[in-house]
């Protein structure tokens, strides 16, 4: 089984199709700046599909440090 770890922020995000295909064993981390994306609504829909397929979603309280 292949496990995926993806991050969504204002600066970058995986393709919407990749998020939709996430499922059991996969983890999606949402940084606070993600909601500032122009396409955030589309990502919300894709995240919902990933959760329905069993993916874990975590929202961080602060941006990752470089």
PDB file of N, CA and C in Angstrom:
ATOM      1  N   UNK A   1       0.844  -1.185   0.000  1.00  0.00           N
ATOM      2  CA  UNK A   1       0.000   0.000   0.000  1.00  0.00           C
ATOM      3  C   UNK A   1       0.883   1.240   0.000  1.00  0.00           C
ATOM      4  N   UNK A   2       0.606   2.171  -0.894  1.00  0.00           N
ATOM      5  CA  UNK A   2       1.354   3.410  -1.018  1.00  0.00           C
ATOM      6  C   UNK A   2       0.681   4.481  -0.179  1.00  0.00           C
ATOM      7  N   UNK A   3       1.433   5.165   0.690  1.00  0.00           N
ATOM      8  CA  UNK A   3       0.890   6.202   1.570  1.00  0.00           C
ATOM      9  C   UNK A   3       1.388   7.562   1.092  1.00  0.00           C
ATOM     10  N   UNK A   4       0.496   8.545   1.071  1.00  0.00           N
ATOM     11  CA  UNK A   4       0.814   9.879   0.583  1.00  0.00           C
ATOM     12  C   UNK A   4       0.689  10.907   1.698  1.00  0.00           C
ATOM     13  N   UNK A   5       1.619  11.851   1.725  1.00  0.00           N
ATOM     14  CA  UNK A   5       1.594  12.984   2.645  1.00  0.00           C
ATOM     15  C   UNK A   5       1.663  14.238   1.794  1.00  0.00           C
ATOM     16  N   UNK A   6       0.636  15.076   1.868  1.00  0.00           N
ATOM     17  CA  UNK A   6       0.570  16.296   1.055  1.00  0.00           C
ATOM     18  C   UNK A   6       0.303  17.499   1.943  1.00  0.00           C
ATOM     19  N   UNK A   7       0.728  18.677   1.482  1.00  0.00           N
ATOM     20  CA  UNK A   7       0.527  19.930   2.210  1.00  0.00           C
ATOM     21  C   UNK A   7      -0.116  20.955   1.275  1.00  0.00           C
ATOM     22  N   UNK A   8      -1.061  21.717   1.831  1.00  0.00           N
ATOM     23  CA  UNK A   8      -1.691  22.800   1.080  1.00  0.00           C
ATOM     24  C   UNK A   8      -1.395  24.106   1.805  1.00  0.00           C
ATOM     25  N   UNK A   9      -0.875  25.086   1.066  1.00  0.00           N
ATOM     26  CA  UNK A   9      -0.641  26.434   1.594  1.00  0.00           C
ATOM     27  C   UNK A   9      -0.979  27.421   0.483  1.00  0.00           C
ATOM     28  N   UNK A  10      -0.886  28.706   0.781  1.00  0.00           N
ATOM     29  CA  UNK A  10      -1.126  29.716  -0.255  1.00  0.00           C
ATOM     30  C   UNK A  10      -0.082  29.591  -1.361  1.00  0.00           C
ATOM     31  N   UNK A  11       1.144  29.260  -0.985  1.00  0.00           N
ATOM     32  CA  UNK A  11       2.254  29.203  -1.935  1.00  0.00           C
ATOM     33  C   UNK A  11       2.251  27.964  -2.819  1.00  0.00           C
ATOM     34  N   UNK A  12       1.638  26.890  -2.364  1.00  0.00           N
ATOM     35  CA  UNK A  12       1.675  25.677  -3.164  1.00  0.00           C
ATOM     36  C   UNK A  12       0.705  24.619  -2.685  1.00  0.00           C
ATOM     37  N   UNK A  13       0.334  23.760  -3.616  1.00  0.00           N
ATOM     38  CA  UNK A  13      -0.606  22.687  -3.289  1.00  0.00           C
ATOM     39  C   UNK A  13      -0.511  21.604  -4.358  1.00  0.00           C
ATOM     40  N   UNK A  14      -0.863  20.384  -4.001  1.00  0.00           N
ATOM     41  CA  UNK A  14      -0.889  19.319  -5.006  1.00  0.00           C
ATOM     42  C   UNK A  14      -2.045  19.554  -5.983  1.00  0.00           C
ATOM     43  N   UNK A  15      -1.995  18.879  -7.091  1.00  0.00           N
ATOM     44  CA  UNK A  15      -3.087  18.985  -8.067  1.00  0.00           C
ATOM     45  C   UNK A  15      -4.404  18.555  -7.416  1.00  0.00           C
ATOM     46  N   UNK A  16      -5.493  19.197  -7.808  1.00  0.00           N
ATOM     47  CA  UNK A  16      -6.803  18.872  -7.235  1.00  0.00           C
ATOM     48  C   UNK A  16      -7.134  17.390  -7.394  1.00  0.00           C
ATOM     49  N   UNK A  17      -6.825  16.826  -8.544  1.00  0.00           N
ATOM     50  CA  UNK A  17      -7.085  15.409  -8.776  1.00  0.00           C
ATOM     51  C   UNK A  17      -6.318  14.517  -7.820  1.00  0.00           C
ATOM     52  N   UNK A  18      -5.096  14.924  -7.476  1.00  0.00           N
ATOM     53  CA  UNK A  18      -4.306  14.154  -6.511  1.00  0.00           C
ATOM     54  C   UNK A  18      -4.955  14.180  -5.137  1.00  0.00           C
ATOM     55  N   UNK A  19      -5.489  15.333  -4.747  1.00  0.00           N
ATOM     56  CA  UNK A  19      -6.170  15.439  -3.447  1.00  0.00           C
ATOM     57  C   UNK A  19      -7.420  14.567  -3.460  1.00  0.00           C
ATOM     58  N   UNK A  20      -8.191  14.634  -4.531  1.00  0.00           N
ATOM     59  CA  UNK A  20      -9.421  13.833  -4.622  1.00  0.00           C
ATOM     60  C   UNK A  20      -9.156  12.335  -4.535  1.00  0.00           C
ATOM     61  N   UNK A  21      -8.011  11.888  -5.024  1.00  0.00           N
ATOM     62  CA  UNK A  21      -7.671  10.468  -5.036  1.00  0.00           C
ATOM     63  C   UNK A  21      -7.084   9.964  -3.716  1.00  0.00           C
ATOM     64  N   UNK A  22      -6.802  10.876  -2.787  1.00  0.00           N
ATOM     65  CA  UNK A  22      -6.256  10.441  -1.501  1.00  0.00           C
ATOM     66  C   UNK A  22      -7.290   9.594  -0.771  1.00  0.00           C
ATOM     67  N   UNK A  23      -6.812   8.658   0.034  1.00  0.00           N
ATOM     68  CA  UNK A  23      -7.720   7.772   0.747  1.00  0.00           C
ATOM     69  C   UNK A  23      -7.109   7.239   2.019  1.00  0.00           C
ATOM     70  N   UNK A  24      -7.562   6.103   2.457  1.00  0.00           N
ATOM     71  CA  UNK A  24      -7.123   5.489   3.699  1.00  0.00           C
ATOM     72  C   UNK A  24      -5.599   5.387   3.754  1.00  0.00           C
ATOM     73  N   UNK A  25      -5.013   5.873   4.852  1.00  0.00           N
ATOM     74  CA  UNK A  25      -3.575   5.842   5.044  1.00  0.00           C
ATOM     75  C   UNK A  25      -2.875   7.100   4.568  1.00  0.00           C
ATOM     76  N   UNK A  26      -3.579   7.965   3.826  1.00  0.00           N
ATOM     77  CA  UNK A  26      -2.991   9.203   3.333  1.00  0.00           C
ATOM     78  C   UNK A  26      -3.265  10.348   4.311  1.00  0.00           C
ATOM     79  N   UNK A  27      -2.362  11.334   4.331  1.00  0.00           N
ATOM     80  CA  UNK A  27      -2.490  12.479   5.233  1.00  0.00           C
ATOM     81  C   UNK A  27      -2.366  13.772   4.453  1.00  0.00           C
ATOM     82  N   UNK A  28      -3.266  14.694   4.725  1.00  0.00           N
ATOM     83  CA  UNK A  28      -3.265  16.016   4.113  1.00  0.00           C
ATOM     84  C   UNK A  28      -3.126  17.046   5.228  1.00  0.00           C
ATOM     85  N   UNK A  29      -2.129  17.912   5.124  1.00  0.00           N
ATOM     86  CA  UNK A  29      -1.896  18.963   6.117  1.00  0.00           C
ATOM     87  C   UNK A  29      -2.256  20.300   5.478  1.00  0.00           C
ATOM     88  N   UNK A  30      -3.115  21.053   6.151  1.00  0.00           N
ATOM     89  CA  UNK A  30      -3.558  22.349   5.644  1.00  0.00           C
ATOM     90  C   UNK A  30      -2.955  23.445   6.511  1.00  0.00           C
ATOM     91  N   UNK A  31      -2.142  24.297   5.890  1.00  0.00           N
ATOM     92  CA  UNK A  31      -1.541  25.424   6.593  1.00  0.00           C
ATOM     93  C   UNK A  31      -2.515  26.596   6.603  1.00  0.00           C
ATOM     94  N   UNK A  32      -2.413  27.505   7.579  1.00  0.00           N
ATOM     95  CA  UNK A  32      -3.373  28.615   7.676  1.00  0.00           C
ATOM     96  C   UNK A  32      -3.508  29.446   6.397  1.00  0.00           C
ATOM     97  N   UNK A  33      -2.427  29.636   5.666  1.00  0.00           N
ATOM     98  CA  UNK A  33      -2.482  30.465   4.459  1.00  0.00           C
ATOM     99  C   UNK A  33      -3.278  29.822   3.326  1.00  0.00           C
ATOM    100  N   UNK A  34      -3.592  28.537   3.440  1.00  0.00           N
ATOM    101  CA  UNK A  34      -4.313  27.836   2.375  1.00  0.00           C
ATOM    102  C   UNK A  34      -5.651  28.501   2.063  1.00  0.00           C
ATOM    103  N   UNK A  35      -6.297  29.060   3.061  1.00  0.00           N
ATOM    104  CA  UNK A  35      -7.608  29.683   2.842  1.00  0.00           C
ATOM    105  C   UNK A  35      -7.507  30.974   2.046  1.00  0.00           C
ATOM    106  N   UNK A  36      -6.305  31.475   1.818  1.00  0.00           N
ATOM    107  CA  UNK A  36      -6.096  32.691   1.020  1.00  0.00           C
ATOM    108  C   UNK A  36      -5.924  32.376  -0.466  1.00  0.00           C
ATOM    109  N   UNK A  37      -5.919  31.095  -0.806  1.00  0.00           N
ATOM    110  CA  UNK A  37      -5.791  30.699  -2.208  1.00  0.00           C
ATOM    111  C   UNK A  37      -7.039  31.116  -2.984  1.00  0.00           C
ATOM    112  N   UNK A  38      -6.864  31.546  -4.209  1.00  0.00           N
ATOM    113  CA  UNK A  38      -8.014  31.916  -5.046  1.00  0.00           C
ATOM    114  C   UNK A  38      -8.891  30.704  -5.336  1.00  0.00           C
ATOM    115  N   UNK A  39      -8.282  29.523  -5.348  1.00  0.00           N
ATOM    116  CA  UNK A  39      -9.019  28.294  -5.653  1.00  0.00           C
ATOM    117  C   UNK A  39      -9.375  27.489  -4.394  1.00  0.00           C
ATOM    118  N   UNK A  40      -9.422  28.144  -3.257  1.00  0.00           N
ATOM    119  CA  UNK A  40      -9.674  27.457  -1.991  1.00  0.00           C
ATOM    120  C   UNK A  40     -10.992  26.673  -2.010  1.00  0.00           C
ATOM    121  N   UNK A  41     -12.023  27.228  -2.592  1.00  0.00           N
ATOM    122  CA  UNK A  41     -13.316  26.529  -2.663  1.00  0.00           C
ATOM    123  C   UNK A  41     -13.205  25.191  -3.375  1.00  0.00           C
ATOM    124  N   UNK A  42     -12.429  25.140  -4.430  1.00  0.00           N
ATOM    125  CA  UNK A  42     -12.224  23.887  -5.157  1.00  0.00           C
ATOM    126  C   UNK A  42     -11.439  22.894  -4.297  1.00  0.00           C
ATOM    127  N   UNK A  43     -10.484  23.405  -3.523  1.00  0.00           N
ATOM    128  CA  UNK A  43      -9.737  22.514  -2.635  1.00  0.00           C
ATOM    129  C   UNK A  43     -10.627  21.988  -1.512  1.00  0.00           C
ATOM    130  N   UNK A  44     -11.543  22.811  -1.014  1.00  0.00           N
ATOM    131  CA  UNK A  44     -12.464  22.329   0.016  1.00  0.00           C
ATOM    132  C   UNK A  44     -13.263  21.135  -0.494  1.00  0.00           C
ATOM    133  N   UNK A  45     -13.726  21.224  -1.725  1.00  0.00           N
ATOM    134  CA  UNK A  45     -14.473  20.120  -2.318  1.00  0.00           C
ATOM    135  C   UNK A  45     -13.595  18.872  -2.448  1.00  0.00           C
ATOM    136  N   UNK A  46     -12.373  19.050  -2.926  1.00  0.00           N
ATOM    137  CA  UNK A  46     -11.457  17.922  -3.084  1.00  0.00           C
ATOM    138  C   UNK A  46     -11.100  17.295  -1.732  1.00  0.00           C
ATOM    139  N   UNK A  47     -10.935  18.132  -0.708  1.00  0.00           N
ATOM    140  CA  UNK A  47     -10.634  17.632   0.637  1.00  0.00           C
ATOM    141  C   UNK A  47     -11.794  16.785   1.149  1.00  0.00           C
ATOM    142  N   UNK A  48     -13.016  17.241   0.906  1.00  0.00           N
ATOM    143  CA  UNK A  48     -14.189  16.466   1.316  1.00  0.00           C
ATOM    144  C   UNK A  48     -14.205  15.088   0.676  1.00  0.00           C
ATOM    145  N   UNK A  49     -13.837  15.017  -0.594  1.00  0.00           N
ATOM    146  CA  UNK A  49     -13.784  13.721  -1.274  1.00  0.00           C
ATOM    147  C   UNK A  49     -12.699  12.835  -0.679  1.00  0.00           C
ATOM    148  N   UNK A  50     -11.550  13.446  -0.362  1.00  0.00           N
ATOM    149  CA  UNK A  50     -10.456  12.673   0.233  1.00  0.00           C
ATOM    150  C   UNK A  50     -10.865  12.107   1.590  1.00  0.00           C
ATOM    151  N   UNK A  51     -11.541  12.910   2.389  1.00  0.00           N
ATOM    152  CA  UNK A  51     -12.008  12.446   3.707  1.00  0.00           C
ATOM    153  C   UNK A  51     -13.001  11.303   3.536  1.00  0.00           C
ATOM    154  N   UNK A  52     -13.900  11.433   2.581  1.00  0.00           N
ATOM    155  CA  UNK A  52     -14.882  10.372   2.334  1.00  0.00           C
ATOM    156  C   UNK A  52     -14.199   9.067   1.933  1.00  0.00           C
ATOM    157  N   UNK A  53     -13.028   9.162   1.325  1.00  0.00           N
ATOM    158  CA  UNK A  53     -12.267   7.979   0.924  1.00  0.00           C
ATOM    159  C   UNK A  53     -11.356   7.472   2.039  1.00  0.00           C
ATOM    160  N   UNK A  54     -11.343   8.180   3.191  1.00  0.00           N
ATOM    161  CA  UNK A  54     -10.587   7.700   4.347  1.00  0.00           C
ATOM    162  C   UNK A  54      -9.311   8.442   4.661  1.00  0.00           C
ATOM    163  N   UNK A  55      -8.996   9.519   3.952  1.00  0.00           N
ATOM    164  CA  UNK A  55      -7.777  10.283   4.223  1.00  0.00           C
ATOM    165  C   UNK A  55      -7.899  11.055   5.536  1.00  0.00           C
ATOM    166  N   UNK A  56      -6.767  11.272   6.194  1.00  0.00           N
ATOM    167  CA  UNK A  56      -6.724  12.098   7.402  1.00  0.00           C
ATOM    168  C   UNK A  56      -6.381  13.516   6.997  1.00  0.00           C
ATOM    169  N   UNK A  57      -7.021  14.495   7.634  1.00  0.00           N
ATOM    170  CA  UNK A  57      -6.744  15.899   7.355  1.00  0.00           C
ATOM    171  C   UNK A  57      -6.397  16.583   8.680  1.00  0.00           C
ATOM    172  N   UNK A  58      -5.295  17.334   8.648  1.00  0.00           N
ATOM    173  CA  UNK A  58      -4.851  18.082   9.821  1.00  0.00           C
ATOM    174  C   UNK A  58      -4.657  19.531   9.428  1.00  0.00           C
ATOM    175  N   UNK A  59      -5.148  20.437  10.260  1.00  0.00           N
ATOM    176  CA  UNK A  59      -4.939  21.859  10.021  1.00  0.00           C
ATOM    177  C   UNK A  59      -3.987  22.366  11.083  1.00  0.00           C
ATOM    178  N   UNK A  60      -2.912  23.018  10.655  1.00  0.00           N
ATOM    179  CA  UNK A  60      -1.932  23.527  11.599  1.00  0.00           C
ATOM    180  C   UNK A  60      -2.331  24.911  12.091  1.00  0.00           C
ATOM    181  N   UNK A  61      -1.829  25.293  13.248  1.00  0.00           N
ATOM    182  CA  UNK A  61      -2.124  26.585  13.829  1.00  0.00           C
ATOM    183  C   UNK A  61      -1.230  27.673  13.250  1.00  0.00           C
ATOM    184  N   UNK A  62      -0.081  27.280  12.710  1.00  0.00           N
ATOM    185  CA  UNK A  62       0.835  28.276  12.140  1.00  0.00           C
ATOM    186  C   UNK A  62       1.560  27.714  10.931  1.00  0.00           C
ATOM    187  N   UNK A  63       2.119  28.629  10.151  1.00  0.00           N
ATOM    188  CA  UNK A  63       2.856  28.228   8.956  1.00  0.00           C
ATOM    189  C   UNK A  63       4.136  27.499   9.354  1.00  0.00           C
ATOM    190  N   UNK A  64       4.570  26.613   8.491  1.00  0.00           N
ATOM    191  CA  UNK A  64       5.825  25.883   8.722  1.00  0.00           C
ATOM    192  C   UNK A  64       6.988  26.861   8.581  1.00  0.00           C
ATOM    193  N   UNK A  65       8.018  26.653   9.377  1.00  0.00           N
ATOM    194  CA  UNK A  65       9.218  27.478   9.306  1.00  0.00           C
ATOM    195  C   UNK A  65      10.159  26.934   8.253  1.00  0.00           C
ATOM    196  N   UNK A  66      10.725  27.828   7.477  1.00  0.00           N
ATOM    197  CA  UNK A  66      11.653  27.405   6.405  1.00  0.00           C
ATOM    198  C   UNK A  66      13.030  27.115   6.960  1.00  0.00           C
TER     199      UNK A  66
END
